Amino acid sequence: MPAFWHWFVVGLTVLFIIWCVWLVSWSAKQGPKNVGDEDLVGHKWDGDLEEWNNPAPKWWLYLYFITIIWGIGFLIAYPGFGNFKGALGWSSAGQYEAEMAAAAATYEPIYEEFAAMDFEALSQDPEANALGRSLYASYCTTCHGSDARGATGYPNLTDSDWQWGSSEQAITSTILNGRTAVMTPWGQILGSDEAVTNMAKYVRSLSGLEDADETIQAMQQQFTMFCSACHMPDGTGNQMLGAPNLTDDVWLYGSSIETIRTTINEGRNGQMPAHGNLLGENRTKILAAYVYSLAEK
């Protein structure tokens, strides 16, 4: 914290404490010394219920003084007084690191024991899956949902479709390092809205969603020219590139004509953030095995 803001915080805090002491002391001296009828404040309820102009009870005022003293003690013991770090040397970062170290000492042996197992056996172990389910709930539900069925633009982890592959290496790499999927825009290259629509219809025909007449079938040549490098000539995709299979009934962004037109015109940029720094290798393997266990076999 710069020196100006340090002294600003210190000065403002001291002034506020002094003001609180003065206010409580002043309040303790208010009210009449001898209570009489003339010392009513003038408020009346229900015809005969009136309020006396009496000072606050001493015990009430003592609570305020105790609170002020407690606040001063807190500022001495803990950071909060500008750049002063507190007599106890506490910090939120230090507490976090201590708690993480304690958790690692407690749970890391458990993670190591499960991570040493064969991946297939790990995916079928009930205790490992219970631990993996907990990790999934902490790190994955925001995008893939609590039921792991995903949402538009976020893969369903319970079906048999794997955009990047279903091997241990593929899943753990996805979790550790993340993924970036890029579908380049092809609208200008195709040249017209009609061509984009016809290509969208051709793509739908690969999975049986569209009857391929002569006009649509004629797009096969352009599909082979522009799309087969990623999606393969038969449209079955390429897991090495994260290029989806266009011949099944799984659609990451939707299968309507307009959705596919948008994909072709504007492209897509999907990103799975890396979780390696958060999970480490042992927990990643446990989570990967749990994700693998969710999928249709």
Protein backbone atom coordinates (compact mmCIF):
# COMPACT_ATOMS: atom_id res chain seq x y z
CA MET A 1 0.00 0.00 0.00
CA PRO A 2 1.46 3.44 -0.93
CA ALA A 3 2.46 5.70 1.97
CA PHE A 4 -0.36 8.17 1.27
CA TRP A 5 -3.07 5.54 1.58
CA HIS A 6 -1.38 4.02 4.62
CA TRP A 7 -1.54 7.30 6.52
CA PHE A 8 -5.00 8.02 5.13
CA VAL A 9 -6.33 4.74 6.56
CA VAL A 10 -4.47 5.24 9.86
CA GLY A 11 -5.68 8.83 10.27
CA LEU A 12 -9.28 8.01 9.36
CA THR A 13 -9.33 5.01 11.73
CA VAL A 14 -7.91 6.99 14.65
CA LEU A 15 -10.34 9.85 14.10
CA PHE A 16 -13.27 7.44 13.95
CA ILE A 17 -12.22 5.75 17.21
CA ILE A 18 -11.88 9.14 18.93
CA TRP A 19 -15.31 10.15 17.60
CA CYS A 20 -16.86 6.91 18.92
CA VAL A 21 -15.34 7.48 22.39
CA TRP A 22 -16.60 11.07 22.42
CA LEU A 23 -20.08 10.09 21.26
CA VAL A 24 -20.50 7.41 23.92
CA SER A 25 -19.11 9.70 26.63
CA TRP A 26 -21.42 12.52 25.55
CA SER A 27 -24.42 10.18 25.50
CA ALA A 28 -23.64 9.08 29.05
CA LYS A 29 -24.06 12.67 30.30
CA GLN A 30 -27.39 13.34 28.60
CA GLY A 31 -30.77 13.38 30.31
CA PRO A 32 -32.02 15.12 33.45
CA LYS A 33 -30.47 14.56 36.84
CA ASN A 34 -33.86 14.59 38.55
CA VAL A 35 -36.73 12.99 36.69
CA GLY A 36 -39.97 14.98 36.74
CA ASP A 37 -43.12 15.38 34.69
CA GLU A 38 -41.51 18.21 32.73
CA ASP A 39 -38.83 15.78 31.46
CA LEU A 40 -41.13 13.89 29.12
CA VAL A 41 -39.99 14.09 25.50
CA GLY A 42 -43.54 14.70 24.24
CA HIS A 43 -44.10 11.42 22.42
CA LYS A 44 -47.37 9.69 23.33
CA TRP A 45 -48.91 6.39 22.17
CA ASP A 46 -52.29 4.82 22.92
CA GLY A 47 -53.39 7.91 24.77
CA ASP A 48 -51.29 7.51 27.93
CA LEU A 49 -48.01 5.80 26.96
CA GLU A 50 -45.26 8.43 27.14
CA GLU A 51 -41.45 8.46 26.83
CA TRP A 52 -39.15 9.84 29.51
CA ASN A 53 -36.02 11.81 28.70
CA ASN A 54 -33.74 9.41 30.61
CA PRO A 55 -30.05 8.67 29.89
CA ALA A 56 -29.03 5.28 28.48
CA PRO A 57 -28.41 2.58 31.12
CA LYS A 58 -24.82 2.35 32.34
CA TRP A 59 -24.51 -1.31 31.29
CA TRP A 60 -25.52 -0.35 27.76
CA LEU A 61 -22.83 2.34 27.60
CA TYR A 62 -20.23 -0.07 29.04
CA LEU A 63 -20.94 -2.46 26.16
CA TYR A 64 -20.06 0.31 23.71
CA PHE A 65 -16.78 1.01 25.53
CA ILE A 66 -15.96 -2.71 25.58
CA THR A 67 -16.64 -2.88 21.84
CA ILE A 68 -14.29 0.05 21.18
CA ILE A 69 -11.55 -1.52 23.29
CA TRP A 70 -12.08 -4.82 21.48
CA GLY A 71 -11.75 -3.02 18.12
CA ILE A 72 -8.48 -1.37 19.17
CA GLY A 73 -7.15 -4.74 20.32
CA PHE A 74 -8.14 -6.31 17.00
CA LEU A 75 -6.25 -3.60 15.08
CA ILE A 76 -3.17 -4.28 17.20
CA ALA A 77 -3.33 -8.06 16.78
CA TYR A 78 -4.36 -8.27 13.10
CA PRO A 79 -3.69 -6.25 9.92
CA GLY A 80 -6.18 -3.49 9.23
CA PHE A 81 -4.25 -0.42 10.32
CA GLY A 82 -2.73 0.64 7.00
CA ASN A 83 0.49 -1.25 6.28
CA PHE A 84 0.78 -2.53 9.86
CA LYS A 85 0.83 -6.35 9.64
CA GLY A 86 -0.46 -6.99 13.16
CA ALA A 87 1.31 -8.26 16.25
CA LEU A 88 0.26 -11.88 15.56
CA GLY A 89 1.65 -11.86 12.01
CA TRP A 90 -1.58 -13.31 10.61
CA SER A 91 -2.49 -13.05 6.92
CA SER A 92 -5.23 -14.58 4.82
CA ALA A 93 -2.62 -15.99 2.42
CA GLY A 94 -0.70 -17.55 5.29
CA GLN A 95 -3.85 -19.11 6.74
CA TYR A 96 -4.81 -20.47 3.31
CA GLU A 97 -1.37 -22.01 2.80
CA ALA A 98 -1.43 -23.57 6.28
CA GLU A 99 -4.88 -25.06 5.68
CA MET A 100 -3.83 -26.38 2.26
CA ALA A 101 -0.69 -27.94 3.76
CA ALA A 102 -2.76 -29.60 6.49
CA ALA A 103 -5.27 -30.89 3.92
CA ALA A 104 -2.45 -32.22 1.71
CA ALA A 105 -0.89 -34.04 4.66
CA THR A 106 -4.26 -35.64 5.45
CA TYR A 107 -5.59 -36.49 1.99
CA GLU A 108 -2.57 -36.81 -0.32
CA PRO A 109 -1.79 -40.37 0.86
CA ILE A 110 -5.36 -41.31 -0.05
CA TYR A 111 -5.03 -39.70 -3.49
CA GLU A 112 -1.70 -41.49 -4.04
CA GLU A 113 -3.21 -44.84 -3.14
CA PHE A 114 -6.05 -44.47 -5.64
CA ALA A 115 -3.85 -42.91 -8.34
CA ALA A 116 -1.58 -45.97 -8.24
CA MET A 117 -4.48 -48.15 -9.43
CA ASP A 118 -5.07 -49.19 -13.03
CA PHE A 119 -7.28 -46.61 -14.80
CA GLU A 120 -10.02 -49.08 -15.75
CA ALA A 121 -10.12 -50.53 -12.23
CA LEU A 122 -10.08 -47.02 -10.75
CA SER A 123 -13.13 -46.03 -12.81
CA GLN A 124 -15.07 -48.96 -11.31
CA ASP A 125 -13.99 -48.51 -7.69
CA PRO A 126 -16.91 -47.16 -5.57
CA GLU A 127 -14.70 -45.28 -3.09
CA ALA A 128 -12.64 -43.71 -5.86
CA ASN A 129 -15.81 -42.70 -7.67
CA ALA A 130 -17.20 -41.12 -4.51
CA LEU A 131 -14.01 -39.06 -4.25
CA GLY A 132 -14.13 -38.26 -7.97
CA ARG A 133 -17.76 -37.17 -7.62
CA SER A 134 -16.72 -34.72 -4.92
CA LEU A 135 -13.94 -33.32 -7.13
CA TYR A 136 -16.37 -33.06 -10.04
CA ALA A 137 -18.85 -31.12 -7.90
CA SER A 138 -16.13 -28.66 -6.91
CA TYR A 139 -14.50 -28.05 -10.27
CA CYS A 140 -16.75 -29.14 -13.15
CA THR A 141 -20.43 -28.50 -12.45
CA THR A 142 -20.34 -24.83 -13.47
CA CYS A 143 -19.89 -25.80 -17.12
CA HIS A 144 -20.93 -29.44 -17.41
CA GLY A 145 -23.84 -29.34 -14.95
CA SER A 146 -24.41 -31.27 -11.76
CA ASP A 147 -25.71 -34.21 -13.82
CA ALA A 148 -22.71 -34.00 -16.22
CA ARG A 149 -25.04 -33.63 -19.21
CA GLY A 150 -23.53 -30.31 -20.23
CA ALA A 151 -25.28 -27.47 -22.02
CA THR A 152 -25.05 -25.65 -25.33
CA GLY A 153 -21.33 -25.37 -26.06
CA TYR A 154 -20.37 -27.62 -23.11
CA PRO A 155 -20.01 -31.36 -23.82
CA ASN A 156 -22.29 -33.98 -22.33
CA LEU A 157 -20.03 -36.30 -20.34
CA THR A 158 -22.59 -39.10 -20.02
CA ASP A 159 -22.92 -40.11 -23.67
CA SER A 160 -20.54 -42.12 -25.85
CA ASP A 161 -19.23 -39.16 -27.84
CA TRP A 162 -15.69 -38.01 -27.01
CA GLN A 163 -14.51 -34.93 -28.87
CA TRP A 164 -10.87 -35.39 -27.82
CA GLY A 165 -10.83 -39.13 -27.11
CA SER A 166 -11.73 -41.41 -24.22
CA SER A 167 -8.33 -42.86 -23.33
CA GLU A 168 -6.74 -42.22 -19.95
CA GLN A 169 -4.14 -40.00 -21.59
CA ALA A 170 -6.74 -37.98 -23.52
CA ILE A 171 -9.01 -37.31 -20.54
CA THR A 172 -6.20 -36.53 -18.08
CA SER A 173 -4.57 -34.24 -20.64
CA THR A 174 -7.87 -32.40 -21.09
CA ILE A 175 -8.20 -31.83 -17.34
CA LEU A 176 -4.55 -30.99 -16.72
CA ASN A 177 -3.86 -28.74 -19.71
CA GLY A 178 -7.30 -27.70 -20.93
CA ARG A 179 -8.42 -27.66 -24.55
CA THR A 180 -8.91 -24.99 -27.17
CA ALA A 181 -11.18 -25.90 -30.09
CA VAL A 182 -11.23 -23.57 -33.08
CA MET A 183 -13.71 -23.77 -35.94
CA THR A 184 -12.73 -21.14 -38.51
CA PRO A 185 -15.48 -19.11 -40.25
CA TRP A 186 -16.24 -20.30 -43.80
CA GLY A 187 -19.05 -17.98 -44.87
CA GLN A 188 -16.93 -15.71 -47.07
CA ILE A 189 -15.06 -18.66 -48.56
CA LEU A 190 -18.29 -20.39 -49.53
CA GLY A 191 -19.32 -17.14 -51.13
CA SER A 192 -23.07 -16.74 -50.54
CA ASP A 193 -25.87 -17.30 -48.02
CA GLU A 194 -27.31 -19.91 -50.32
CA ALA A 195 -24.05 -21.86 -50.33
CA VAL A 196 -23.87 -21.65 -46.52
CA THR A 197 -27.44 -22.93 -46.22
CA ASN A 198 -26.74 -25.77 -48.63
CA MET A 199 -23.59 -26.70 -46.70
CA ALA A 200 -25.58 -26.67 -43.45
CA LYS A 201 -28.14 -28.98 -45.05
CA TYR A 202 -25.35 -31.25 -46.32
CA VAL A 203 -23.87 -31.46 -42.82
CA ARG A 204 -27.31 -32.35 -41.43
CA SER A 205 -27.69 -35.02 -44.12
CA LEU A 206 -24.54 -36.76 -42.83
CA SER A 207 -26.41 -37.68 -39.63
CA GLY A 208 -29.72 -38.39 -41.35
CA LEU A 209 -31.41 -35.13 -40.35
CA GLU A 210 -31.83 -33.92 -43.94
CA ASP A 211 -32.77 -35.64 -47.19
CA ALA A 212 -29.90 -35.07 -49.59
CA ASP A 213 -31.31 -33.96 -52.96
CA GLU A 214 -29.06 -33.17 -55.92
CA THR A 215 -28.39 -29.57 -54.75
CA ILE A 216 -27.36 -30.67 -51.28
CA GLN A 217 -25.36 -33.66 -52.54
CA ALA A 218 -23.45 -31.30 -54.82
CA MET A 219 -21.93 -29.72 -51.69
CA GLN A 220 -19.90 -32.88 -51.09
CA GLN A 221 -17.12 -31.55 -53.30
CA GLN A 222 -16.84 -28.34 -51.28
CA PHE A 223 -17.08 -30.29 -48.01
CA THR A 224 -14.16 -32.43 -49.14
CA MET A 225 -12.23 -29.32 -50.17
CA PHE A 226 -12.82 -27.15 -47.09
CA CYS A 227 -13.99 -29.39 -44.23
CA SER A 228 -12.42 -32.81 -44.61
CA ALA A 229 -9.03 -31.72 -43.26
CA CYS A 230 -10.59 -31.58 -39.79
CA HIS A 231 -13.84 -33.54 -40.02
CA MET A 232 -12.49 -36.18 -42.42
CA PRO A 233 -13.98 -36.87 -45.88
CA ASP A 234 -16.78 -39.00 -44.41
CA GLY A 235 -17.56 -36.46 -41.64
CA THR A 236 -16.61 -38.77 -38.78
CA GLY A 237 -14.33 -36.16 -37.20
CA ASN A 238 -10.82 -36.27 -35.78
CA GLN A 239 -10.25 -36.60 -32.06
CA MET A 240 -6.63 -35.53 -32.39
CA LEU A 241 -7.88 -32.08 -33.46
CA GLY A 242 -11.05 -32.04 -31.39
CA ALA A 243 -13.08 -31.95 -34.62
CA PRO A 244 -16.57 -33.33 -33.88
CA ASN A 245 -18.12 -36.33 -35.57
CA LEU A 246 -20.83 -34.96 -37.87
CA THR A 247 -22.45 -38.32 -38.58
CA ASP A 248 -23.88 -39.09 -35.13
CA ASP A 249 -26.75 -37.51 -33.17
CA VAL A 250 -24.55 -35.49 -30.78
CA TRP A 251 -24.45 -31.75 -31.44
CA LEU A 252 -22.41 -29.48 -29.19
CA TYR A 253 -24.10 -26.25 -30.29
CA GLY A 254 -27.33 -27.63 -31.75
CA SER A 255 -28.51 -29.26 -34.96
CA SER A 256 -30.93 -26.70 -36.37
CA ILE A 257 -30.29 -25.12 -39.76
CA GLU A 258 -29.76 -21.68 -38.21
CA THR A 259 -27.33 -22.97 -35.58
CA ILE A 260 -25.23 -24.80 -38.15
CA ARG A 261 -25.36 -21.76 -40.45
CA THR A 262 -24.02 -19.64 -37.58
CA THR A 263 -21.22 -22.15 -36.98
CA ILE A 264 -20.24 -22.12 -40.65
CA ASN A 265 -20.55 -18.34 -41.04
CA GLU A 266 -18.91 -17.21 -37.82
CA GLY A 267 -16.92 -20.21 -36.63
CA ARG A 268 -16.68 -21.42 -33.02
CA ASN A 269 -14.11 -20.98 -30.28
CA GLY A 270 -14.57 -23.38 -27.39
CA GLN A 271 -12.17 -23.46 -24.47
CA MET A 272 -11.76 -25.87 -21.58
CA PRO A 273 -9.57 -24.18 -18.91
CA ALA A 274 -6.59 -26.05 -17.51
CA HIS A 275 -7.03 -27.46 -14.01
CA GLY A 276 -3.56 -28.91 -13.47
CA ASN A 277 -2.46 -26.22 -11.03
CA LEU A 278 -5.62 -26.72 -9.00
CA LEU A 279 -5.77 -30.50 -8.91
CA GLY A 280 -2.32 -31.97 -9.42
CA GLU A 281 -1.71 -35.31 -11.12
CA ASN A 282 -3.18 -37.65 -8.48
CA ARG A 283 -6.54 -35.91 -8.15
CA THR A 284 -6.65 -35.42 -11.92
CA LYS A 285 -6.41 -39.16 -12.49
CA ILE A 286 -9.18 -39.82 -9.95
CA LEU A 287 -11.40 -37.18 -11.57
CA ALA A 288 -10.61 -38.49 -15.07
CA ALA A 289 -11.58 -42.02 -14.01
CA TYR A 290 -14.85 -40.72 -12.56
CA VAL A 291 -15.66 -38.83 -15.78
CA TYR A 292 -14.84 -41.95 -17.76
CA SER A 293 -17.22 -43.97 -15.55
CA LEU A 294 -20.11 -41.64 -16.42
CA ALA A 295 -19.99 -42.27 -20.15
CA GLU A 296 -21.95 -44.87 -22.07
CA LYS A 297 -19.77 -47.84 -22.92
